[in-house]
Each structure stands twice: as structure tokens, then as C-alpha cells.
Amino acid sequence: MTHSAWAFWFKSAGEGEIRPTKLPDPGPDEVLVRTLFSAVSRGTETLVFRGGVPVSQYSLMRAPFQEGDFPAPVKYGYLNVGEVERGPADLLGRTVFCLYPHQTRYVVPAGAVTVVPDRVPAARAVLAGTVETAVNALWDAAPLIGDRVAVIGAGMVGCSVAALLARFPGVRVQLVDVDPARAAVARGLGVDFASPEEAEDGCDLVVHASATEAGLTRALELLAPEGEVIELSWYGDRRVSVPLGEFFHSRRLTVRASQVGMVSPARRSRRTFADRLALALDLLADPAFDALITGESRFEDLPSVLPRLAAGEMGALCHRIAYRDAVIDQESPGRS
């Protein structure tokens, strides 16, 4: 039996479309999932959407279930929550998270999905991939009790890091962003907010996630002697200038990259990718993370929504995509 579905594709730089696709009958170790929600990973997906993936990063930037090749056409995305319609008995009817693109239904190996805990709403579980990135970053950063920490860049990743740091005892956490509207998000997460100019210095640790040259410069300025910047930003094909003069050497500062593609060396011998993702989903039981969901659109509207997100016309953190309407039963879903 062949199943039908609709999938969103990055057609060319700055243009997307919804295409029909055929799904095979799931095998004994596979699941058929009906998508409930997906989410746009704004930084990475808008970079892909505008064709900004460097040629040198084509293989490293591939999503787990990507179809097509960079720069385009490509089916790309990795924040998907759905319900298992067919599969092993222990998964049938369960809500699951999968690193799958925007598509109404899909077939994947059963091992590729992670069950969403009952106490985590499906609509919030789309944040799992982002919170997983934050978990890995804090495994890399290894903050200590009483640390003074700044998180620069109040996007999805920066806010997730700040939300987790708020749970550390005695840690002073400041979420830093140029947009004063992010102060409301910070309050929802239970952390302080500051503009770059007002941020407190003397930090033991700065997590940088603004993907801007100015943000990285300010991160270095805020460090105490022998402090460390954990760099989470993905700059794509942009070059950035880093001030390695001034206090960089005299203060013995450190800039270290953190990226979710590998489990942090601090936990690699004891934690798997599956362990890390399961932890992220468990942490999402906290309703404070709802502050990161700042917009929602229908799947049919993705071709018009993604250009607006890429252009900054929609000031969303996590923009959620809802699949309540049975697009698969309609003759013609929305197109660009």
C-alpha cells in the first residue's frame, strides 16, 4: 500500500513550495507518523532558505532526513512532532519527536523517533531539538555554582540556554539582546534581561548565540580574566572579525565552539544522542518554555511565511507550524 503526503521544499534561494510525495508501506521496524506540529529553526532554516550554506559545509549541514542537495531544491528541517499511526505496538498511537522536515506524514525507522513524555504537550515538544542544543552547550560550558553568566542573543537557542541556567543554584544569569521586547521573554524564563550596553561585566562565562560580530565582541568584553566564551552562533557564509588584541591576551580569554552535531566530549563516553534528546524532552515539562513559542501558522502557508521570517518581518523566536487541517485531503495546498 502506498500512502500520500505533502512536503515543503526549498525550491530556490528565497522561494519555497509544497509538493506531493508518496510514502511506502512501513516495514516491521518502521513507523508511519502523522505530523501534528513542526517548527522553523529560524537561524539555520532561513540561512538555508536564502542559499547561504557554504559549499564547504554541504555535507555537515545535511539534516537527518533531508532530500535533495544544497543549495536547492532541498527538503530541509528537523523539528517535528507527530502521532504514530502504524508501527510496533509500543509506539502505536504515541506522540513522538523526530528530526524530520515539514511534511504531513512520513515513514522512518522506529529508532528515529523519541516518545514525548505524557507531561509534555505536543505543541511544546517541537522545541526539543533546540533544548537539546542548549543541553549540549552546557555540557561543554560546565558552569559552576555561583558563576556569573551572560547569554548574548535571545533567539531560540540563547533563550533555551538561559532557561536551563536559571535552574543552576547561585548562578547570576543575564539574557542580553538588542531587542528590548525580549525582556518579556526573559521574565517568562525567570532570568534578568539587559541591553548590550547595560550588561554586567566580570562574567566567568558568556554563551554567545546572536550570530553577529558585535555580539561576539561584546561577549569578550564582558568576561572576567581567564573567562570563556562558548560560541553557539552559526555564521554560514559570512566572515566575522574578532578583537583578539585589547584584553584578549592579557586576560587570557578563551573562545570555544559548541555544536550539537556531536555529543559534548564531557559526556560522550557516557551519553548517546538518544540520551541527550530524551533529556531535552523531559526538561520541556517546564511550562516556562512556552515563552519561546511566539507565533504559529498553518502548514499550507509555509511558502509565504518562510520568506517573511527570513526577511525579519515576523519577529518570532520559535515559529510553530500546525497541521490541524487535513492538507493531504485537499486538491491543492498553498504554493509560493
Protein backbone atom coordinates (compact mmCIF):
# COMPACT_ATOMS: atom_id res chain seq x y z
CA MET A 1 0.00 0.00 0.00
CA THR A 2 1.29 3.48 -0.87
CA HIS A 3 0.44 6.50 1.30
CA SER A 4 0.27 10.11 0.13
CA ALA A 5 1.65 13.17 1.85
CA TRP A 6 2.61 16.80 1.27
CA ALA A 7 6.11 18.17 1.93
CA PHE A 8 7.61 21.67 2.00
CA TRP A 9 10.65 22.16 -0.25
CA PHE A 10 13.18 24.99 -0.52
CA LYS A 11 12.71 25.44 -4.28
CA SER A 12 15.45 28.03 -4.88
CA ALA A 13 17.07 30.87 -2.95
CA GLY A 14 14.22 32.75 -1.28
CA GLU A 15 11.44 30.58 -2.67
CA GLY A 16 9.59 27.55 -1.32
CA GLU A 17 6.75 25.32 -2.39
CA ILE A 18 4.60 22.44 -1.16
CA ARG A 19 4.94 19.25 -3.18
CA PRO A 20 3.06 15.94 -3.13
CA THR A 21 5.03 12.86 -2.15
CA LYS A 22 4.40 9.12 -1.98
CA LEU A 23 5.23 7.09 1.11
CA PRO A 24 5.99 3.38 1.21
CA ASP A 25 4.15 0.98 3.45
CA PRO A 26 6.15 0.89 6.73
CA GLY A 27 8.23 -2.22 7.32
CA PRO A 28 8.29 -4.22 10.58
CA ASP A 29 10.87 -1.91 12.17
CA GLU A 30 9.44 1.34 10.79
CA VAL A 31 6.71 3.79 11.79
CA LEU A 32 4.21 5.87 9.85
CA VAL A 33 3.86 9.23 11.60
CA ARG A 34 1.14 11.83 11.08
CA THR A 35 2.59 15.26 11.84
CA LEU A 36 0.86 17.37 14.49
CA PHE A 37 3.33 20.25 14.66
CA SER A 38 6.68 21.24 13.21
CA ALA A 39 8.73 24.36 13.85
CA VAL A 40 11.05 26.59 11.88
CA SER A 41 14.58 26.65 13.24
CA ARG A 42 14.85 30.30 12.33
CA GLY A 43 18.60 30.79 12.20
CA THR A 44 19.57 27.65 10.31
CA GLU A 45 16.49 27.27 8.13
CA THR A 46 16.41 30.88 6.98
CA LEU A 47 20.11 30.59 6.13
CA VAL A 48 19.31 27.52 4.01
CA PHE A 49 16.30 29.33 2.55
CA ARG A 50 18.40 32.23 1.29
CA GLY A 51 21.03 29.87 -0.15
CA GLY A 52 23.69 30.83 2.41
CA VAL A 53 25.17 27.41 3.20
CA PRO A 54 28.90 27.48 2.30
CA VAL A 55 29.96 24.82 -0.22
CA SER A 56 32.49 23.51 2.31
CA GLN A 57 29.62 22.76 4.74
CA TYR A 58 27.23 20.99 2.37
CA SER A 59 27.83 17.55 3.87
CA LEU A 60 28.00 18.71 7.50
CA MET A 61 24.79 20.74 7.19
CA ARG A 62 22.67 17.86 5.90
CA ALA A 63 19.62 17.20 8.07
CA PRO A 64 18.98 13.57 9.08
CA PHE A 65 16.09 13.06 6.60
CA GLN A 66 16.97 15.72 4.08
CA GLU A 67 16.11 15.15 0.44
CA GLY A 68 17.84 16.99 -2.38
CA ASP A 69 21.18 18.76 -2.22
CA PHE A 70 22.32 22.25 -1.30
CA PRO A 71 21.81 24.92 -2.36
CA ALA A 72 18.40 23.83 -3.79
CA PRO A 73 15.95 22.27 -4.33
CA VAL A 74 16.07 20.68 -0.90
CA LYS A 75 13.61 19.36 1.70
CA TYR A 76 15.05 20.59 4.99
CA GLY A 77 14.04 20.80 8.64
CA TYR A 78 14.40 18.91 11.91
CA LEU A 79 11.74 19.90 14.44
CA ASN A 80 8.75 17.60 14.00
CA VAL A 81 6.19 16.17 16.43
CA GLY A 82 3.56 13.68 15.34
CA GLU A 83 1.47 10.67 16.22
CA VAL A 84 2.44 7.13 15.22
CA GLU A 85 -0.33 5.73 13.01
CA ARG A 86 1.38 2.45 12.15
CA GLY A 87 4.35 0.69 13.71
CA PRO A 88 5.43 -1.50 16.63
CA ALA A 89 2.81 -1.96 19.35
CA ASP A 90 4.79 0.00 21.95
CA LEU A 91 4.78 3.07 19.69
CA LEU A 92 1.32 2.85 18.12
CA GLY A 93 -0.72 5.93 19.00
CA ARG A 94 2.17 7.57 20.86
CA THR A 95 3.23 11.19 20.35
CA VAL A 96 6.83 11.28 19.13
CA PHE A 97 9.55 13.77 18.22
CA CYS A 98 11.62 13.25 15.09
CA LEU A 99 14.36 15.19 13.31
CA TYR A 100 12.21 15.34 10.17
CA PRO A 101 11.39 18.20 7.75
CA HIS A 102 8.00 19.87 7.32
CA GLN A 103 5.76 17.13 5.94
CA THR A 104 2.22 15.95 6.70
CA ARG A 105 3.13 12.24 7.07
CA TYR A 106 6.38 10.29 6.88
CA VAL A 107 7.88 6.83 7.28
CA VAL A 108 11.12 6.43 9.28
CA PRO A 109 12.89 3.70 11.24
CA ALA A 110 11.31 3.21 14.66
CA GLY A 111 14.64 4.10 16.25
CA ALA A 112 14.50 7.57 14.69
CA VAL A 113 11.59 8.71 16.86
CA THR A 114 11.60 9.59 20.56
CA VAL A 115 8.46 9.26 22.63
CA VAL A 116 7.26 12.57 24.06
CA PRO A 117 6.61 12.25 27.82
CA ASP A 118 2.93 12.44 28.75
CA ARG A 119 3.53 15.59 30.81
CA VAL A 120 4.93 17.47 27.78
CA PRO A 121 2.32 18.92 25.37
CA ALA A 122 2.91 18.07 21.70
CA ALA A 123 2.77 21.77 20.84
CA ARG A 124 5.73 22.46 23.18
CA ALA A 125 7.70 19.36 22.19
CA VAL A 126 8.74 21.00 18.89
CA LEU A 127 11.37 22.79 21.00
CA ALA A 128 13.17 19.50 21.74
CA GLY A 129 15.85 19.97 19.09
CA THR A 130 16.65 23.46 20.35
CA VAL A 131 16.71 22.46 24.02
CA GLU A 132 18.96 19.55 23.04
CA THR A 133 21.40 22.10 21.57
CA ALA A 134 21.27 24.02 24.86
CA VAL A 135 21.92 20.86 26.89
CA ASN A 136 24.98 20.09 24.77
CA ALA A 137 26.22 23.67 25.13
CA LEU A 138 26.01 23.49 28.92
CA TRP A 139 27.79 20.15 28.92
CA ASP A 140 30.55 21.97 27.02
CA ALA A 141 30.44 25.08 29.21
CA ALA A 142 30.24 23.22 32.56
CA PRO A 143 29.02 26.20 34.63
CA LEU A 144 29.74 26.08 38.35
CA ILE A 145 27.63 27.05 41.33
CA GLY A 146 27.78 30.80 41.88
CA ASP A 147 29.02 31.62 38.36
CA ARG A 148 28.28 34.95 36.71
CA VAL A 149 26.94 34.18 33.24
CA ALA A 150 25.69 36.22 30.30
CA VAL A 151 23.83 34.75 27.34
CA ILE A 152 24.09 37.06 24.33
CA GLY A 153 21.39 36.62 21.72
CA ALA A 154 17.80 35.99 22.82
CA GLY A 155 16.87 33.70 19.95
CA MET A 156 15.60 30.14 20.34
CA VAL A 157 18.97 28.71 21.34
CA GLY A 158 20.04 31.59 23.58
CA CYS A 159 16.71 31.59 25.41
CA SER A 160 16.87 27.81 25.88
CA VAL A 161 20.35 28.10 27.37
CA ALA A 162 19.19 30.89 29.70
CA ALA A 163 16.16 28.86 30.78
CA LEU A 164 18.36 25.92 31.76
CA LEU A 165 20.92 28.14 33.51
CA ALA A 166 18.10 29.60 35.62
CA ARG A 167 17.90 26.19 37.32
CA PHE A 168 21.55 26.29 38.48
CA PRO A 169 21.91 27.29 42.16
CA GLY A 170 23.52 30.62 42.87
CA VAL A 171 24.18 31.45 39.21
CA ARG A 172 23.67 35.04 38.06
CA VAL A 173 22.14 34.84 34.58
CA GLN A 174 21.64 37.77 32.24
CA LEU A 175 19.96 37.40 28.87
CA VAL A 176 21.39 40.09 26.58
CA ASP A 177 19.81 41.30 23.35
CA VAL A 178 19.46 44.45 21.27
CA ASP A 179 15.68 44.00 21.10
CA PRO A 180 14.03 45.37 24.27
CA ALA A 181 10.93 43.27 23.51
CA ARG A 182 12.94 40.20 24.53
CA ALA A 183 12.74 41.43 28.15
CA ALA A 184 9.25 39.92 28.36
CA VAL A 185 10.60 36.56 27.22
CA ALA A 186 13.37 36.76 29.82
CA ARG A 187 10.79 37.39 32.55
CA GLY A 188 8.86 34.35 31.39
CA LEU A 189 12.02 32.27 31.67
CA GLY A 190 12.87 33.63 35.10
CA VAL A 191 16.12 35.40 34.17
CA ASP A 192 17.33 39.01 34.10
CA PHE A 193 17.48 40.97 30.85
CA ALA A 194 19.89 43.66 29.69
CA SER A 195 20.77 45.54 26.54
CA PRO A 196 24.38 45.01 25.35
CA GLU A 197 25.36 48.41 26.76
CA GLU A 198 23.85 47.69 30.20
CA ALA A 199 25.04 44.10 30.60
CA GLU A 200 27.11 43.40 33.72
CA ASP A 201 30.75 42.50 33.13
CA GLY A 202 33.06 40.32 35.21
CA CYS A 203 31.47 37.17 33.79
CA ASP A 204 33.01 33.77 34.35
CA LEU A 205 31.20 32.50 31.28
CA VAL A 206 29.46 34.05 28.27
CA VAL A 207 27.36 31.97 25.91
CA HIS A 208 27.18 33.72 22.55
CA ALA A 209 24.23 32.98 20.27
CA SER A 210 23.49 36.23 18.42
CA ALA A 211 25.35 35.28 15.21
CA THR A 212 26.67 38.84 14.97
CA GLU A 213 30.15 40.29 15.03
CA ALA A 214 29.05 42.92 17.55
CA GLY A 215 27.65 40.23 19.82
CA LEU A 216 30.88 38.25 19.84
CA THR A 217 32.89 41.41 20.53
CA ARG A 218 30.64 42.25 23.47
CA ALA A 219 30.95 38.68 24.76
CA LEU A 220 34.71 39.09 25.05
CA GLU A 221 34.32 42.48 26.72
CA LEU A 222 32.07 41.04 29.44
CA LEU A 223 34.50 38.32 30.52
CA ALA A 224 36.50 38.37 33.73
CA PRO A 225 40.18 37.34 33.48
CA GLU A 226 40.51 33.74 32.25
CA GLY A 227 36.81 33.67 31.38
CA GLU A 228 35.40 31.72 28.47
CA VAL A 229 33.03 32.37 25.57
CA ILE A 230 31.04 29.37 24.34
CA GLU A 231 30.27 30.18 20.71
CA LEU A 232 26.95 28.74 19.57
CA SER A 233 26.39 31.01 16.58
CA TRP A 234 26.32 29.66 13.05
CA TYR A 235 27.53 32.33 10.62
CA GLY A 236 27.11 30.35 7.41
CA ASP A 237 28.98 32.04 4.58
CA ARG A 238 29.63 35.28 6.50
CA ARG A 239 33.10 36.25 7.74
CA VAL A 240 33.39 37.90 11.16
CA SER A 241 36.11 39.99 12.74
CA VAL A 242 37.12 39.12 16.31
CA PRO A 243 39.09 41.60 18.51
CA LEU A 244 42.00 39.44 19.57
CA GLY A 245 44.01 42.48 20.62
CA GLU A 246 42.99 44.70 23.52
CA PHE A 247 42.32 42.46 26.57
CA PHE A 248 42.19 39.09 24.83
CA HIS A 249 45.76 38.06 25.64
CA SER A 250 46.29 39.96 28.89
CA ARG A 251 43.11 38.47 30.38
CA ARG A 252 43.88 35.01 28.96
CA LEU A 253 40.41 34.71 27.46
CA THR A 254 39.06 31.66 25.62
CA VAL A 255 36.61 31.28 22.73
CA ARG A 256 35.33 27.73 22.27
CA ALA A 257 32.86 26.37 19.73
CA SER A 258 29.90 24.23 20.71
CA GLN A 259 27.77 22.42 18.14
CA VAL A 260 25.02 19.87 18.53
CA GLY A 261 26.29 17.56 15.75
CA MET A 262 28.43 15.67 18.29
CA VAL A 263 27.78 14.88 21.93
CA SER A 264 29.97 17.07 24.12
CA PRO A 265 33.33 15.45 24.94
CA ALA A 266 32.44 15.96 28.61
CA ARG A 267 29.66 13.35 28.27
CA ARG A 268 30.48 11.46 25.07
CA SER A 269 31.67 8.29 26.81
CA ARG A 270 28.50 8.08 28.93
CA ARG A 271 25.66 9.64 26.91
CA THR A 272 24.28 8.86 23.46
CA PHE A 273 22.40 11.13 21.06
CA ALA A 274 19.22 9.36 22.18
CA ASP A 275 20.01 10.04 25.85
CA ARG A 276 20.55 13.71 25.13
CA LEU A 277 17.30 14.10 23.19
CA ALA A 278 15.31 12.22 25.83
CA LEU A 279 16.73 14.58 28.47
CA ALA A 280 15.72 17.61 26.40
CA LEU A 281 12.15 16.32 26.10
CA ASP A 282 12.00 15.64 29.83
CA LEU A 283 13.14 19.20 30.58
CA LEU A 284 10.29 20.52 28.41
CA ALA A 285 7.81 19.55 31.11
CA ASP A 286 8.52 23.06 32.45
CA PRO A 287 5.81 25.41 31.10
CA ALA A 288 8.30 28.29 31.20
CA PHE A 289 9.46 27.14 27.77
CA ASP A 290 6.12 28.25 26.31
CA ALA A 291 7.61 31.76 26.29
CA LEU A 292 9.71 30.66 23.31
CA ILE A 293 6.67 29.94 21.12
CA THR A 294 5.91 33.36 19.67
CA GLY A 295 3.97 32.56 16.51
CA GLU A 296 2.06 29.88 14.66
CA SER A 297 0.98 29.33 11.06
CA ARG A 298 -0.72 26.62 9.07
CA PHE A 299 1.38 24.19 7.07
CA GLU A 300 -0.31 25.39 3.87
CA ASP A 301 1.03 28.91 4.49
CA LEU A 302 4.73 27.96 4.79
CA PRO A 303 5.61 29.19 1.26
CA SER A 304 4.55 32.72 2.23
CA VAL A 305 5.60 32.56 5.90
CA LEU A 306 9.23 31.50 5.48
CA PRO A 307 10.21 34.47 3.26
CA ARG A 308 8.77 36.80 5.91
CA LEU A 309 10.72 35.04 8.67
CA ALA A 310 13.90 35.21 6.59
CA ALA A 311 13.38 38.93 5.95
CA GLY A 312 12.81 39.66 9.64
CA GLU A 313 9.23 40.81 9.03
CA MET A 314 7.99 38.37 11.68
CA GLY A 315 9.89 38.78 14.95
CA ALA A 316 9.41 35.19 16.02
CA LEU A 317 11.56 33.08 18.31
CA CYS A 318 10.10 29.66 17.62
CA HIS A 319 7.52 29.83 14.84
CA ARG A 320 5.34 26.77 15.10
CA ILE A 321 3.63 25.12 12.13
CA ALA A 322 0.24 23.50 12.79
CA TYR A 323 -1.13 20.59 10.76
CA ARG A 324 -4.68 20.60 12.09
CA ASP A 325 -6.17 20.98 8.61
CA ALA A 326 -6.05 17.82 6.54
CA VAL A 327 -3.88 19.22 3.76
CA ILE A 328 -3.41 15.76 2.33
CA ASP A 329 -7.13 15.61 1.54
CA GLN A 330 -7.17 18.93 -0.28
CA GLU A 331 -6.65 19.11 -4.02
CA SER A 332 -4.15 21.95 -3.95
CA PRO A 333 -2.31 23.21 -0.85
CA GLY A 334 -0.75 26.67 -0.81
CA ARG A 335 2.21 27.37 -3.08
CA SER A 336 4.69 30.19 -3.46
